[in-house]
Protein backbone atom coordinates (compact mmCIF):
# COMPACT_ATOMS: atom_id res chain seq x y z
CA MET A 1 111.97 144.16 5.30
CA LYS A 2 109.42 143.43 8.02
CA THR A 3 110.10 145.30 11.27
CA ILE A 4 109.54 143.76 14.67
CA PRO A 5 107.28 145.78 17.00
CA LEU A 6 108.98 147.36 20.00
CA PHE A 7 107.04 145.32 22.58
CA GLN A 8 108.13 142.10 20.86
CA LYS A 9 111.75 143.26 20.90
CA ILE A 10 111.47 143.94 24.63
CA SER A 11 109.79 140.58 25.18
CA LEU A 12 112.54 138.82 23.26
CA ALA A 13 115.22 140.56 25.30
CA LEU A 14 113.52 139.57 28.57
CA CYS A 15 113.22 135.93 27.43
CA LEU A 16 116.90 135.81 26.49
CA ALA A 17 117.86 137.35 29.83
CA VAL A 18 115.89 134.75 31.75
CA PHE A 19 117.33 131.99 29.56
CA LEU A 20 120.87 133.14 30.38
CA LEU A 21 120.01 133.30 34.07
CA VAL A 22 118.76 129.74 34.01
CA PHE A 23 121.89 128.64 32.15
CA VAL A 24 124.21 130.37 34.64
CA ARG A 25 122.36 128.88 37.61
CA GLY A 26 122.44 125.54 35.87
CA PHE A 27 126.22 125.82 35.54
CA SER A 28 126.49 126.31 39.30
CA THR A 29 124.40 123.16 39.74
CA TYR A 30 126.78 121.16 37.55
CA ARG A 31 129.77 122.54 39.46
CA SER A 32 128.23 121.59 42.81
CA MET A 33 127.39 118.16 41.40
CA VAL A 34 131.06 117.56 40.55
CA ARG A 35 132.13 118.80 43.98
CA ILE A 36 129.71 116.44 45.75
CA ALA A 37 130.91 113.53 43.61
CA LEU A 38 134.57 114.22 44.47
CA GLU A 39 133.72 114.13 48.16
CA GLN A 40 132.58 110.50 47.91
CA SER A 41 134.90 107.70 48.97
CA SER A 42 134.04 105.32 46.12
CA LEU A 43 133.16 105.41 42.44
CA SER A 44 129.73 103.92 43.09
CA GLY A 45 129.08 106.56 45.75
CA ALA A 46 130.15 109.33 43.37
CA ILE A 47 127.85 108.05 40.62
CA ALA A 48 124.94 107.73 43.05
CA ALA A 49 125.51 111.27 44.33
CA MET A 50 125.59 112.69 40.79
CA GLU A 51 122.42 110.82 39.80
CA ALA A 52 120.63 112.12 42.89
CA ARG A 53 121.68 115.68 42.11
CA ILE A 54 120.52 115.40 38.50
CA ALA A 55 117.19 113.87 39.54
CA GLU A 56 116.71 116.70 42.01
CA ARG A 57 117.52 119.65 39.76
CA LEU A 58 117.28 118.69 36.07
CA PRO A 59 113.47 118.40 35.74
CA ALA A 60 113.02 121.89 37.12
CA ARG A 61 115.68 123.34 34.78
CA LEU A 62 114.17 121.70 31.71
CA SER A 63 110.67 122.79 32.74
CA VAL A 64 111.80 126.42 33.07
CA LEU A 65 113.53 126.36 29.68
CA ILE A 66 110.42 124.94 28.00
CA ASP A 67 108.28 127.58 29.73
CA ILE A 68 110.56 130.34 28.42
CA TYR A 69 110.54 128.88 24.92
CA GLY A 70 106.74 128.75 24.87
CA LEU A 71 106.42 132.24 26.36
CA PHE A 72 108.66 133.58 23.60
CA HIS A 73 106.38 132.09 20.92
CA ARG A 74 103.28 133.41 22.63
CA LEU A 75 104.64 136.95 22.88
CA LEU A 76 105.41 136.83 19.17
CA GLY A 77 101.83 135.80 18.48
CA LYS A 78 102.76 132.41 17.05
CA ASN A 79 100.13 129.71 16.52
CA GLU A 80 102.82 127.10 15.90
CA VAL A 81 105.67 126.14 18.22
CA GLY A 82 108.52 124.98 16.02
CA GLY A 83 110.13 121.60 16.63
CA PHE A 84 107.28 120.26 18.76
CA TYR A 85 104.52 119.87 16.10
CA VAL A 86 102.16 121.71 18.45
CA VAL A 87 99.76 124.28 17.03
CA ARG A 88 96.98 126.39 18.50
CA ASP A 89 93.78 126.06 16.49
CA ARG A 90 91.12 128.72 16.04
CA ALA A 91 89.09 127.25 18.90
CA GLY A 92 92.02 127.88 21.27
CA MET A 93 93.00 124.20 21.64
CA LEU A 94 96.54 122.87 21.33
CA GLN A 95 96.82 120.20 18.64
CA PHE A 96 99.49 117.86 17.34
CA GLY A 97 99.80 118.64 13.65
CA THR A 98 102.36 119.03 10.92
CA ARG A 99 102.87 121.38 8.01
CA GLY A 100 102.75 120.17 4.44
CA SER A 101 102.08 116.45 5.02
CA PRO A 102 98.73 114.79 5.61
CA ALA A 103 99.31 113.14 8.98
CA LEU A 104 101.56 112.40 11.90
CA GLN A 105 99.63 109.17 12.50
CA GLN A 106 98.87 106.65 9.81
CA ASP A 107 95.50 104.99 9.61
CA PRO A 108 95.55 102.28 12.33
CA LEU A 109 93.35 99.98 10.26
CA ASP A 110 94.80 100.55 6.79
CA PHE A 111 95.18 97.06 5.32
CA GLN A 112 98.01 98.09 3.00
CA TYR A 113 100.04 99.64 5.80
CA ASP A 114 99.31 97.25 8.66
CA GLY A 115 97.64 94.23 7.08
CA GLU A 116 99.12 91.52 9.33
CA SER A 117 97.93 92.93 12.66
CA VAL A 118 94.63 94.16 11.23
CA GLY A 119 94.01 90.60 10.15
CA GLN A 120 93.61 89.68 13.82
CA LEU A 121 90.42 91.71 14.21
CA PRO A 122 88.19 89.44 12.07
CA ALA A 123 89.68 86.35 13.74
CA PHE A 124 89.17 87.79 17.22
CA SER A 125 85.64 88.88 16.34
CA ALA A 126 84.91 85.33 15.16
CA PHE A 127 86.43 83.95 18.38
CA CYS A 128 84.06 86.10 20.44
CA LYS A 129 81.06 85.08 18.33
CA GLU A 130 81.93 81.40 18.80
CA ASN A 131 81.83 81.99 22.55
CA ASN A 132 78.66 84.16 22.40
CA ILE A 133 80.50 87.20 23.76
CA PRO A 134 79.73 90.64 22.25
CA PHE A 135 82.86 92.35 20.92
CA ILE A 136 82.47 96.13 20.73
CA CYS A 137 84.84 98.88 19.57
CA ILE A 138 84.77 102.58 20.44
CA PRO A 139 86.42 104.81 17.79
CA THR A 140 87.74 107.83 19.66
CA PRO A 141 86.18 111.05 18.29
CA PRO A 142 88.73 113.25 16.50
CA ARG A 143 90.04 116.14 18.52
CA ALA A 144 91.68 118.06 15.66
CA LEU A 145 89.16 119.51 13.18
CA ASP A 146 90.71 120.39 9.82
CA ALA A 147 88.54 123.49 9.39
CA TYR A 148 89.95 125.04 12.58
CA LEU A 149 93.66 124.38 12.07
CA PRO A 150 95.97 127.23 10.96
CA PRO A 151 96.52 127.51 7.19
CA GLY A 152 98.86 124.83 5.86
CA VAL A 153 98.68 122.67 9.01
CA THR A 154 97.03 119.28 8.67
CA SER A 155 95.90 116.38 10.83
CA ALA A 156 94.59 112.97 9.82
CA GLU A 157 92.32 112.42 12.83
CA GLN A 158 89.03 113.02 11.03
CA THR A 159 90.00 110.93 8.01
CA ASN A 160 91.38 108.12 10.17
CA ARG A 161 88.24 107.95 12.28
CA ARG A 162 85.92 107.73 9.28
CA LYS A 163 88.06 104.99 7.73
CA THR A 164 88.23 103.14 11.05
CA VAL A 165 84.45 103.08 11.46
CA ARG A 166 83.98 102.02 7.84
CA ILE A 167 86.45 99.13 8.15
CA LEU A 168 85.03 97.94 11.48
CA GLU A 169 81.52 97.90 10.07
CA SER A 170 82.72 96.05 6.96
CA LEU A 171 84.17 93.39 9.26
CA GLY A 172 80.84 93.03 11.06
CA ILE A 173 82.29 94.34 14.36
CA ASN A 174 79.98 96.18 16.77
CA VAL A 175 80.72 99.90 16.99
CA PHE A 176 79.62 102.23 19.77
CA ASP A 177 80.06 105.78 18.50
CA PRO A 178 79.43 108.37 21.23
CA LEU A 179 78.76 111.04 18.59
CA GLY A 180 76.50 108.92 16.42
CA GLY A 181 78.71 108.99 13.33
CA ARG A 182 79.26 112.74 13.11
CA ASP A 183 82.19 114.99 13.95
CA ALA A 184 81.98 117.29 16.94
CA THR A 185 81.64 121.01 16.39
CA ALA A 186 84.32 123.41 17.61
CA ALA A 187 82.10 124.45 20.52
CA GLU A 188 81.64 120.80 21.48
CA GLN A 189 85.38 120.18 21.28
CA LEU A 190 85.99 122.69 24.06
CA GLU A 191 83.61 120.68 26.26
CA LEU A 192 84.70 117.18 25.23
CA PHE A 193 88.49 117.51 25.45
CA PHE A 194 91.14 119.27 27.49
CA ARG A 195 92.63 122.30 25.72
CA THR A 196 96.21 121.17 26.43
CA ASP A 197 95.82 117.40 26.12
CA HIS A 198 94.58 114.83 23.59
CA HIS A 199 92.41 113.06 26.20
CA TRP A 200 88.74 113.67 26.77
CA THR A 201 87.80 115.40 30.01
CA ILE A 202 86.61 113.49 33.06
CA GLU A 203 83.11 114.88 32.54
CA THR A 204 83.14 113.49 28.98
CA ALA A 205 84.34 110.09 30.20
CA PHE A 206 81.48 110.00 32.69
CA ARG A 207 78.85 111.02 30.13
CA TRP A 208 80.03 108.50 27.55
CA HIS A 209 80.33 105.68 30.08
CA ALA A 210 76.62 106.24 30.77
CA GLY A 211 75.95 106.19 27.03
CA PHE A 212 77.84 102.92 26.65
CA LEU A 213 75.81 101.31 29.44
CA ASP A 214 72.62 102.48 27.71
CA TYR A 215 73.93 100.91 24.50
CA LEU A 216 74.57 97.58 26.24
CA ARG A 217 71.07 97.58 27.67
CA ALA A 218 69.38 98.48 24.38
CA GLU A 219 71.44 96.46 21.92
CA HIS A 220 72.64 93.46 23.95
CA GLY A 221 70.04 93.03 26.68
CA PHE A 222 72.28 93.76 29.68
CA VAL A 223 70.60 94.48 33.01
CA PHE A 224 72.26 96.75 35.57
CA PRO A 225 70.32 96.92 38.87
CA ASP A 226 71.73 100.32 39.90
CA HIS A 227 71.82 101.85 36.41
CA GLY A 228 69.87 104.97 37.28
CA ARG A 229 72.01 105.72 40.32
CA ASN A 230 75.35 104.95 38.66
CA THR A 231 74.73 107.11 35.58
CA ASP A 232 73.34 110.20 37.31
CA LEU A 233 76.06 112.77 38.00
CA ARG A 234 73.97 114.17 40.85
CA ASN A 235 74.96 111.06 42.83
CA TYR A 236 78.64 111.93 42.57
CA SER A 237 81.06 114.36 44.15
CA VAL A 238 82.81 116.66 41.65
CA GLU A 239 86.01 118.26 42.95
CA VAL A 240 87.34 120.96 40.64
CA PHE A 241 91.06 121.77 40.69
CA PRO A 242 91.45 125.13 38.90
CA ASN A 243 94.51 125.59 36.67
CA ARG A 244 95.93 122.23 37.70
CA PHE A 245 96.36 120.14 34.54
CA LEU A 246 98.92 120.72 31.78
CA GLY A 247 98.47 117.97 29.20
CA SER A 248 100.90 116.31 26.80
CA ALA A 249 100.66 119.11 24.23
CA GLY A 250 100.89 121.77 26.92
CA GLN A 251 104.01 120.26 28.49
CA ARG A 252 105.80 120.41 25.13
CA VAL A 253 105.34 124.17 24.89
CA GLY A 254 105.29 125.23 28.56
CA ARG A 255 102.73 126.64 30.91
CA TYR A 256 102.97 130.24 29.69
CA TYR A 257 102.12 129.39 26.09
CA ALA A 258 99.51 126.78 26.88
CA GLU A 259 98.06 128.15 30.10
CA TRP A 260 96.36 125.50 32.23
CA ASP A 261 93.30 123.30 32.15
CA ASP A 262 90.97 122.90 35.10
CA TYR A 263 90.71 119.31 36.27
CA SER A 264 87.63 117.64 37.77
CA LEU A 265 87.79 114.57 39.97
CA ILE A 266 84.47 112.70 39.90
CA THR A 267 83.83 110.07 42.58
CA PRO A 268 80.59 108.43 43.80
CA SER A 269 78.85 109.87 46.83
CA PHE A 270 77.06 106.57 47.47
CA GLU A 271 78.56 103.62 49.34
CA THR A 272 80.93 101.38 47.37
CA ALA A 273 83.04 98.29 48.08
CA MET A 274 85.80 97.71 45.52
CA THR A 275 89.05 95.79 45.14
CA CYS A 276 91.65 96.89 42.60
CA SER A 277 94.65 94.72 41.66
CA ILE A 278 97.42 95.62 39.22
CA ASP A 279 100.04 93.41 37.59
CA SER A 280 102.79 94.65 39.89
CA GLY A 281 101.12 92.66 42.68
CA GLU A 282 99.55 95.59 44.52
CA THR A 283 95.95 95.11 45.69
CA VAL A 284 93.88 97.80 47.39
CA ALA A 285 90.42 97.22 48.88
CA GLY A 286 87.92 99.79 50.08
CA SER A 287 85.65 102.43 48.64
CA PHE A 288 85.90 103.63 45.03
CA ASP A 289 88.03 106.54 46.22
CA ALA A 290 90.32 104.36 48.30
CA ALA A 291 90.80 101.57 45.75
CA LEU A 292 90.83 103.40 42.41
CA ILE A 293 91.82 107.02 43.07
CA HIS A 294 95.44 108.09 43.61
CA ARG A 295 95.39 111.69 44.76
CA ARG A 296 99.15 112.10 44.79
CA HIS A 297 98.90 112.70 41.03
CA LEU A 298 96.93 115.87 41.76
CA ARG A 299 99.62 117.54 43.90
CA GLN A 300 101.58 120.47 42.53
CA GLY A 301 105.32 119.88 42.36
CA ILE A 302 108.43 120.85 40.42
CA ARG A 303 106.78 119.62 37.25
CA PRO A 304 103.07 119.89 36.35
CA PRO A 305 101.17 116.91 37.78
CA ASN A 306 99.71 114.32 35.41
CA CYS A 307 96.24 114.56 36.87
CA TYR A 308 94.79 112.12 34.36
CA THR A 309 96.56 109.25 36.13
CA ALA A 310 94.66 109.95 39.36
CA TYR A 311 92.33 107.23 38.08
CA LEU A 312 93.83 103.73 38.42
CA ASP A 313 97.32 105.16 39.06
CA GLY A 314 97.93 105.44 35.32
CA ASP A 315 98.66 102.80 32.71
CA HIS A 316 99.38 99.20 33.71
CA GLY A 317 99.53 96.03 31.65
CA GLU A 318 96.75 94.36 33.62
CA THR A 319 94.27 95.82 36.09
CA VAL A 320 91.41 93.88 37.66
CA ILE A 321 88.61 95.65 39.58
CA ARG A 322 86.03 93.71 41.57
CA ASN A 323 82.83 95.28 42.79
CA GLU A 324 80.70 93.54 45.42
CA LYS A 325 77.56 95.30 44.19
CA GLY A 326 78.03 94.91 40.44
CA LYS A 327 76.72 92.49 37.84
CA HIS A 328 78.33 90.90 34.74
CA ARG A 329 82.04 90.73 33.82
CA ILE A 330 83.70 92.94 31.22
CA LEU A 331 87.14 92.78 29.57
CA ILE A 332 88.44 96.12 28.30
CA VAL A 333 91.40 96.58 25.96
CA GLN A 334 92.44 100.20 26.28
CA ASN A 335 95.12 102.83 26.46
CA SER A 336 95.16 105.89 28.71
CA PHE A 337 91.84 107.18 27.30
CA GLY A 338 90.13 104.46 29.32
CA LEU A 339 91.45 105.36 32.77
CA PRO A 340 88.42 107.35 34.00
CA PHE A 341 85.99 105.68 31.57
CA SER A 342 86.78 102.15 32.82
CA SER A 343 86.78 103.34 36.42
CA PHE A 344 83.20 104.54 36.07
CA LEU A 345 82.18 101.32 34.27
CA SER A 346 83.52 99.26 37.17
CA LEU A 347 80.69 100.60 39.33
CA SER A 348 78.19 98.62 37.22
CA PHE A 349 80.17 95.38 36.71
CA ALA A 350 81.05 92.67 39.20
CA GLU A 351 84.46 92.40 37.54
CA THR A 352 86.27 94.77 35.21
CA ALA A 353 89.49 93.37 33.72
CA ILE A 354 91.65 95.88 31.83
CA LEU A 355 94.51 95.11 29.45
CA ASP A 356 96.83 97.73 27.98
CA LEU A 357 98.59 95.97 25.10
CA ARG A 358 101.41 98.52 25.13
CA HIS A 359 102.51 97.00 28.43
CA TYR A 360 100.84 93.57 28.61
CA ARG A 361 102.96 90.88 26.94
CA GLU A 362 102.15 87.73 28.91
CA MET A 363 99.61 86.32 26.42
CA SER A 364 97.15 87.35 23.71
CA VAL A 365 93.70 88.66 24.56
CA ALA A 366 92.11 85.41 23.31
CA GLU A 367 94.42 83.34 25.51
CA TYR A 368 93.63 85.61 28.46
CA MET A 369 89.92 84.93 27.90
CA ARG A 370 90.55 81.18 27.82
CA LYS A 371 92.54 81.40 31.05
CA HIS A 372 89.86 83.57 32.71
CA PRO A 373 86.55 82.35 31.24
CA GLY A 374 83.18 83.92 31.91
CA PHE A 375 83.40 87.42 30.42
CA ASP A 376 80.04 88.76 29.24
CA VAL A 377 81.38 91.47 26.92
CA VAL A 378 84.71 92.61 25.42
CA LEU A 379 85.29 96.30 24.76
CA CYS A 380 88.16 97.62 22.64
CA MET A 381 89.04 101.28 23.16
CA ASP A 382 92.49 101.04 21.60
CA LEU A 383 92.82 100.46 17.85
CA PHE A 384 96.38 101.78 17.52
CA PHE A 385 97.92 98.94 19.57
CA HIS A 386 95.84 95.93 18.62
CA ALA A 387 98.38 93.34 17.45
CA GLY A 388 98.01 91.17 20.58
CA PHE A 389 94.42 89.96 20.18
CA MET A 390 95.20 86.51 18.81
CA PRO A 391 98.11 84.09 19.52
């Protein structure tokens, strides 16, 4: 029978003690919540008081419990956190994986699995060609490398990406691959992505936005008057927030298992004049920082801040950015990966229209282009939610 080392026994006892303390304090919160509700003069007032109390206290309680749970796994030297499908690979990055099955995510462009929606891509590509508009896709580089996952843990990211590129090319769709068709090395992964989140870092988004602009110039003849200025990081301010970002994988296992990522906010040092409108009706005009950056998402609070949404205030169905000093119009279909990437692109375009098909339901992408004619290029950064391209 395997014995547990003494320090792990002590660690386990401390974790259980803290867990019980949180539970006991939580019980006092529930008791005070009932007392406050009974003091109200109406049922609606009682319900409102209870909801307010829950909103005030519950996130902190849950966050503490998750932190304790992750700390317990870390003290035991675990590379997998049970129940959350989160594993720590040999490069030190947290990954979403699963044991014994090939993937959590199916191939987004597998004709047998998703043939109906995939069938829209050739039709949409033909629609763009009929209107002389380049249609370009960016396959997101895989973050999980099979060779670095713990034994028995698998991910389908590498396989899915290769199949995605192959299918896009077979359909005659333009592909911009930031890595030139290869997989990143483990050392590169630590630079390209956050350790606790599936998104690429802000530095990566900036570097690849510059690469995409170079691609448009070389392959499609685009001209950007301020290209040299807009793609040189020396013309930008880089604010580093140490130990500030805990990504989606990190929040599932707590701050003590995951530790924290540093977060960099990159904004232009040169003069800008932008207008940003979102589908909720809000419009903000001013500099890049004033119109596109929302610094409240960088503040520490009860729960770890979602720093990634500092760009464009997070995901919206439709976002339109106008730049007085830009040239050309671009339509981008994206998910959250595009938040900083599209923000940087907006510095080179007169208009940057962004659709997130997880939230945008008003019309198809083709219908949107008919309603708002004049786009010079369409970029698709989101191949997992692509069923809304055609009517």
